[in-house]
Amino acid sequence: MFLIGYGNPGRGDDGLGPAFSEGMAARSLPGLEVDTDYQLVAEHALAISGHDVVIF
C-alpha cells in the first residue's frame, strides 16, 4: 500500500495531508510505504505504479 500526503503545512488546513502521512509513517506499519510532498508531480506516477492500493 502506498500513501501520499500532499499539501503545504504552512497554509493551515492545506497541511493535513503531510501531517497525516507523517503520522502514519511514524507507526511503521508493515507493507505501508509513505511519501509526503507539496503537490503531486509526474514522478509520483512511477512511485505508485508498483502498488495495488494507493491512498491520496
PDB file of N, CA and C in Angstrom:
ATOM      1  N   MET A   1       0.849  -1.162   0.000  1.00  0.00           N
ATOM      2  CA  MET A   1       0.000   0.000   0.000  1.00  0.00           C
ATOM      3  C   MET A   1       0.899   1.230   0.000  1.00  0.00           C
ATOM      4  N   PHE A   2       0.513   2.218  -0.783  1.00  0.00           N
ATOM      5  CA  PHE A   2       1.277   3.461  -0.889  1.00  0.00           C
ATOM      6  C   PHE A   2       0.377   4.610  -0.462  1.00  0.00           C
ATOM      7  N   LEU A   3       0.845   5.417   0.470  1.00  0.00           N
ATOM      8  CA  LEU A   3       0.109   6.575   0.960  1.00  0.00           C
ATOM      9  C   LEU A   3       0.910   7.815   0.624  1.00  0.00           C
ATOM     10  N   ILE A   4       0.280   8.759  -0.070  1.00  0.00           N
ATOM     11  CA  ILE A   4       0.954  10.027  -0.330  1.00  0.00           C
ATOM     12  C   ILE A   4       0.106  11.159   0.234  1.00  0.00           C
ATOM     13  N   GLY A   5       0.722  11.908   1.129  1.00  0.00           N
ATOM     14  CA  GLY A   5       0.065  13.071   1.710  1.00  0.00           C
ATOM     15  C   GLY A   5       0.677  14.313   1.101  1.00  0.00           C
ATOM     16  N   TYR A   6      -0.149  15.102   0.450  1.00  0.00           N
ATOM     17  CA  TYR A   6       0.398  16.299  -0.179  1.00  0.00           C
ATOM     18  C   TYR A   6      -0.346  17.535   0.298  1.00  0.00           C
ATOM     19  N   GLY A   7       0.377  18.638   0.305  1.00  0.00           N
ATOM     20  CA  GLY A   7      -0.165  19.912   0.751  1.00  0.00           C
ATOM     21  C   GLY A   7       0.946  20.756   1.351  1.00  0.00           C
ATOM     22  N   ASN A   8       0.575  21.954   1.757  1.00  0.00           N
ATOM     23  CA  ASN A   8       1.532  22.912   2.296  1.00  0.00           C
ATOM     24  C   ASN A   8       1.260  23.113   3.785  1.00  0.00           C
ATOM     25  N   PRO A   9       2.123  22.589   4.654  1.00  0.00           N
ATOM     26  CA  PRO A   9       1.907  22.719   6.093  1.00  0.00           C
ATOM     27  C   PRO A   9       1.840  24.167   6.577  1.00  0.00           C
ATOM     28  N   GLY A  10       2.416  25.081   5.850  1.00  0.00           N
ATOM     29  CA  GLY A  10       2.401  26.484   6.238  1.00  0.00           C
ATOM     30  C   GLY A  10       1.111  27.205   5.889  1.00  0.00           C
ATOM     31  N   ARG A  11       0.144  26.497   5.287  1.00  0.00           N
ATOM     32  CA  ARG A  11      -1.098  27.122   4.832  1.00  0.00           C
ATOM     33  C   ARG A  11      -2.322  26.550   5.548  1.00  0.00           C
ATOM     34  N   GLY A  12      -2.231  26.398   6.844  1.00  0.00           N
ATOM     35  CA  GLY A  12      -3.380  25.951   7.631  1.00  0.00           C
ATOM     36  C   GLY A  12      -3.804  24.539   7.308  1.00  0.00           C
ATOM     37  N   ASP A  13      -5.100  24.382   6.972  1.00  0.00           N
ATOM     38  CA  ASP A  13      -5.623  23.035   6.749  1.00  0.00           C
ATOM     39  C   ASP A  13      -5.070  22.375   5.495  1.00  0.00           C
ATOM     40  N   ASP A  14      -4.357  23.108   4.660  1.00  0.00           N
ATOM     41  CA  ASP A  14      -3.701  22.514   3.492  1.00  0.00           C
ATOM     42  C   ASP A  14      -2.588  21.562   3.933  1.00  0.00           C
ATOM     43  N   GLY A  15      -2.194  21.640   5.189  1.00  0.00           N
ATOM     44  CA  GLY A  15      -1.139  20.778   5.709  1.00  0.00           C
ATOM     45  C   GLY A  15      -1.638  19.457   6.271  1.00  0.00           C
ATOM     46  N   LEU A  16      -2.938  19.176   6.142  1.00  0.00           N
ATOM     47  CA  LEU A  16      -3.482  17.932   6.684  1.00  0.00           C
ATOM     48  C   LEU A  16      -2.858  16.703   6.028  1.00  0.00           C
ATOM     49  N   GLY A  17      -2.681  16.724   4.725  1.00  0.00           N
ATOM     50  CA  GLY A  17      -2.105  15.575   4.018  1.00  0.00           C
ATOM     51  C   GLY A  17      -0.724  15.208   4.532  1.00  0.00           C
ATOM     52  N   PRO A  18       0.202  16.175   4.575  1.00  0.00           N
ATOM     53  CA  PRO A  18       1.529  15.860   5.104  1.00  0.00           C
ATOM     54  C   PRO A  18       1.506  15.435   6.580  1.00  0.00           C
ATOM     55  N   ALA A  19       0.672  16.074   7.385  1.00  0.00           N
ATOM     56  CA  ALA A  19       0.607  15.713   8.805  1.00  0.00           C
ATOM     57  C   ALA A  19       0.111  14.280   8.977  1.00  0.00           C
ATOM     58  N   PHE A  20      -0.913  13.915   8.204  1.00  0.00           N
ATOM     59  CA  PHE A  20      -1.452  12.560   8.291  1.00  0.00           C
ATOM     60  C   PHE A  20      -0.427  11.532   7.830  1.00  0.00           C
ATOM     61  N   SER A  21       0.214  11.792   6.701  1.00  0.00           N
ATOM     62  CA  SER A  21       1.171  10.812   6.179  1.00  0.00           C
ATOM     63  C   SER A  21       2.380  10.673   7.100  1.00  0.00           C
ATOM     64  N   GLU A  22       2.831  11.750   7.704  1.00  0.00           N
ATOM     65  CA  GLU A  22       3.948  11.662   8.645  1.00  0.00           C
ATOM     66  C   GLU A  22       3.550  10.873   9.891  1.00  0.00           C
ATOM     67  N   GLY A  23       2.314  11.058  10.339  1.00  0.00           N
ATOM     68  CA  GLY A  23       1.827  10.283  11.482  1.00  0.00           C
ATOM     69  C   GLY A  23       1.750   8.799  11.174  1.00  0.00           C
ATOM     70  N   MET A  24       1.294   8.469   9.971  1.00  0.00           N
ATOM     71  CA  MET A  24       1.218   7.065   9.569  1.00  0.00           C
ATOM     72  C   MET A  24       2.616   6.471   9.401  1.00  0.00           C
ATOM     73  N   ALA A  25       3.549   7.243   8.875  1.00  0.00           N
ATOM     74  CA  ALA A  25       4.922   6.757   8.712  1.00  0.00           C
ATOM     75  C   ALA A  25       5.545   6.445  10.072  1.00  0.00           C
ATOM     76  N   ALA A  26       5.218   7.244  11.081  1.00  0.00           N
ATOM     77  CA  ALA A  26       5.765   7.033  12.420  1.00  0.00           C
ATOM     78  C   ALA A  26       5.285   5.715  13.029  1.00  0.00           C
ATOM     79  N   ARG A  27       4.174   5.186  12.542  1.00  0.00           N
ATOM     80  CA  ARG A  27       3.638   3.922  13.062  1.00  0.00           C
ATOM     81  C   ARG A  27       4.383   2.705  12.517  1.00  0.00           C
ATOM     82  N   SER A  28       5.161   2.884  11.457  1.00  0.00           N
ATOM     83  CA  SER A  28       5.949   1.796  10.857  1.00  0.00           C
ATOM     84  C   SER A  28       5.109   0.545  10.592  1.00  0.00           C
ATOM     85  N   LEU A  29       3.983   0.731   9.933  1.00  0.00           N
ATOM     86  CA  LEU A  29       3.105  -0.393   9.622  1.00  0.00           C
ATOM     87  C   LEU A  29       3.705  -1.230   8.497  1.00  0.00           C
ATOM     88  N   PRO A  30       3.723  -2.546   8.653  1.00  0.00           N
ATOM     89  CA  PRO A  30       4.287  -3.402   7.603  1.00  0.00           C
ATOM     90  C   PRO A  30       3.476  -3.289   6.312  1.00  0.00           C
ATOM     91  N   GLY A  31       4.180  -3.195   5.205  1.00  0.00           N
ATOM     92  CA  GLY A  31       3.530  -3.125   3.900  1.00  0.00           C
ATOM     93  C   GLY A  31       3.067  -1.742   3.498  1.00  0.00           C
ATOM     94  N   LEU A  32       3.318  -0.731   4.340  1.00  0.00           N
ATOM     95  CA  LEU A  32       2.891   0.632   4.026  1.00  0.00           C
ATOM     96  C   LEU A  32       4.100   1.477   3.648  1.00  0.00           C
ATOM     97  N   GLU A  33       4.068   2.030   2.456  1.00  0.00           N
ATOM     98  CA  GLU A  33       5.097   2.978   2.005  1.00  0.00           C
ATOM     99  C   GLU A  33       4.455   4.357   1.995  1.00  0.00           C
ATOM    100  N   VAL A  34       5.151   5.339   2.566  1.00  0.00           N
ATOM    101  CA  VAL A  34       4.590   6.675   2.733  1.00  0.00           C
ATOM    102  C   VAL A  34       5.479   7.706   2.062  1.00  0.00           C
ATOM    103  N   ASP A  35       4.835   8.680   1.414  1.00  0.00           N
ATOM    104  CA  ASP A  35       5.552   9.805   0.810  1.00  0.00           C
ATOM    105  C   ASP A  35       4.788  11.075   1.143  1.00  0.00           C
ATOM    106  N   THR A  36       5.500  12.175   1.267  1.00  0.00           N
ATOM    107  CA  THR A  36       4.918  13.479   1.554  1.00  0.00           C
ATOM    108  C   THR A  36       5.510  14.490   0.591  1.00  0.00           C
ATOM    109  N   ASP A  37       4.658  15.365   0.058  1.00  0.00           N
ATOM    110  CA  ASP A  37       5.141  16.380  -0.879  1.00  0.00           C
ATOM    111  C   ASP A  37       4.176  17.565  -0.873  1.00  0.00           C
ATOM    112  N   TYR A  38       4.616  18.674  -1.460  1.00  0.00           N
ATOM    113  CA  TYR A  38       3.767  19.858  -1.544  1.00  0.00           C
ATOM    114  C   TYR A  38       2.663  19.707  -2.582  1.00  0.00           C
ATOM    115  N   GLN A  39       2.940  18.958  -3.640  1.00  0.00           N
ATOM    116  CA  GLN A  39       1.945  18.747  -4.694  1.00  0.00           C
ATOM    117  C   GLN A  39       2.279  17.461  -5.434  1.00  0.00           C
ATOM    118  N   LEU A  40       1.302  16.953  -6.159  1.00  0.00           N
ATOM    119  CA  LEU A  40       1.550  15.769  -6.977  1.00  0.00           C
ATOM    120  C   LEU A  40       2.357  16.174  -8.198  1.00  0.00           C
ATOM    121  N   VAL A  41       3.334  15.344  -8.540  1.00  0.00           N
ATOM    122  CA  VAL A  41       4.173  15.597  -9.713  1.00  0.00           C
ATOM    123  C   VAL A  41       4.267  14.308 -10.528  1.00  0.00           C
ATOM    124  N   ALA A  42       4.750  14.420 -11.738  1.00  0.00           N
ATOM    125  CA  ALA A  42       4.818  13.273 -12.647  1.00  0.00           C
ATOM    126  C   ALA A  42       5.617  12.114 -12.054  1.00  0.00           C
ATOM    127  N   GLU A  43       6.626  12.401 -11.264  1.00  0.00           N
ATOM    128  CA  GLU A  43       7.455  11.351 -10.682  1.00  0.00           C
ATOM    129  C   GLU A  43       6.668  10.445  -9.741  1.00  0.00           C
ATOM    130  N   HIS A  44       5.581  10.947  -9.189  1.00  0.00           N
ATOM    131  CA  HIS A  44       4.776  10.110  -8.309  1.00  0.00           C
ATOM    132  C   HIS A  44       4.125   8.958  -9.076  1.00  0.00           C
ATOM    133  N   ALA A  45       3.884   9.130 -10.367  1.00  0.00           N
ATOM    134  CA  ALA A  45       3.293   8.055 -11.175  1.00  0.00           C
ATOM    135  C   ALA A  45       4.188   6.820 -11.147  1.00  0.00           C
ATOM    136  N   LEU A  46       5.476   7.018 -11.237  1.00  0.00           N
ATOM    137  CA  LEU A  46       6.412   5.892 -11.176  1.00  0.00           C
ATOM    138  C   LEU A  46       6.397   5.262  -9.786  1.00  0.00           C
ATOM    139  N   ALA A  47       6.353   6.088  -8.763  1.00  0.00           N
ATOM    140  CA  ALA A  47       6.370   5.581  -7.388  1.00  0.00           C
ATOM    141  C   ALA A  47       5.134   4.740  -7.082  1.00  0.00           C
ATOM    142  N   ILE A  48       3.976   5.133  -7.592  1.00  0.00           N
ATOM    143  CA  ILE A  48       2.751   4.403  -7.269  1.00  0.00           C
ATOM    144  C   ILE A  48       2.481   3.231  -8.204  1.00  0.00           C
ATOM    145  N   SER A  49       3.199   3.155  -9.312  1.00  0.00           N
ATOM    146  CA  SER A  49       2.901   2.127 -10.315  1.00  0.00           C
ATOM    147  C   SER A  49       3.114   0.701  -9.814  1.00  0.00           C
ATOM    148  N   GLY A  50       3.917   0.517  -8.811  1.00  0.00           N
ATOM    149  CA  GLY A  50       4.184  -0.821  -8.307  1.00  0.00           C
ATOM    150  C   GLY A  50       3.289  -1.250  -7.157  1.00  0.00           C
ATOM    151  N   HIS A  51       2.247  -0.488  -6.875  1.00  0.00           N
ATOM    152  CA  HIS A  51       1.378  -0.781  -5.731  1.00  0.00           C
ATOM    153  C   HIS A  51      -0.046  -1.076  -6.197  1.00  0.00           C
ATOM    154  N   ASP A  52      -0.682  -2.031  -5.534  1.00  0.00           N
ATOM    155  CA  ASP A  52      -2.073  -2.362  -5.838  1.00  0.00           C
ATOM    156  C   ASP A  52      -3.044  -1.373  -5.210  1.00  0.00           C
ATOM    157  N   VAL A  53      -2.655  -0.791  -4.077  1.00  0.00           N
ATOM    158  CA  VAL A  53      -3.515   0.149  -3.358  1.00  0.00           C
ATOM    159  C   VAL A  53      -2.742   1.442  -3.158  1.00  0.00           C
ATOM    160  N   VAL A  54      -3.373   2.560  -3.542  1.00  0.00           N
ATOM    161  CA  VAL A  54      -2.762   3.881  -3.374  1.00  0.00           C
ATOM    162  C   VAL A  54      -3.788   4.793  -2.716  1.00  0.00           C
ATOM    163  N   ILE A  55      -3.368   5.497  -1.684  1.00  0.00           N
ATOM    164  CA  ILE A  55      -4.239   6.434  -0.978  1.00  0.00           C
ATOM    165  C   ILE A  55      -3.636   7.822  -1.109  1.00  0.00           C
ATOM    166  N   PHE A  56      -4.454   8.771  -1.558  1.00  0.00           N
ATOM    167  CA  PHE A  56      -4.024  10.161  -1.699  1.00  0.00           C
ATOM    168  C   PHE A  56      -4.603  10.983  -0.579  1.00  0.00           C
TER     169      PHE A  56
END
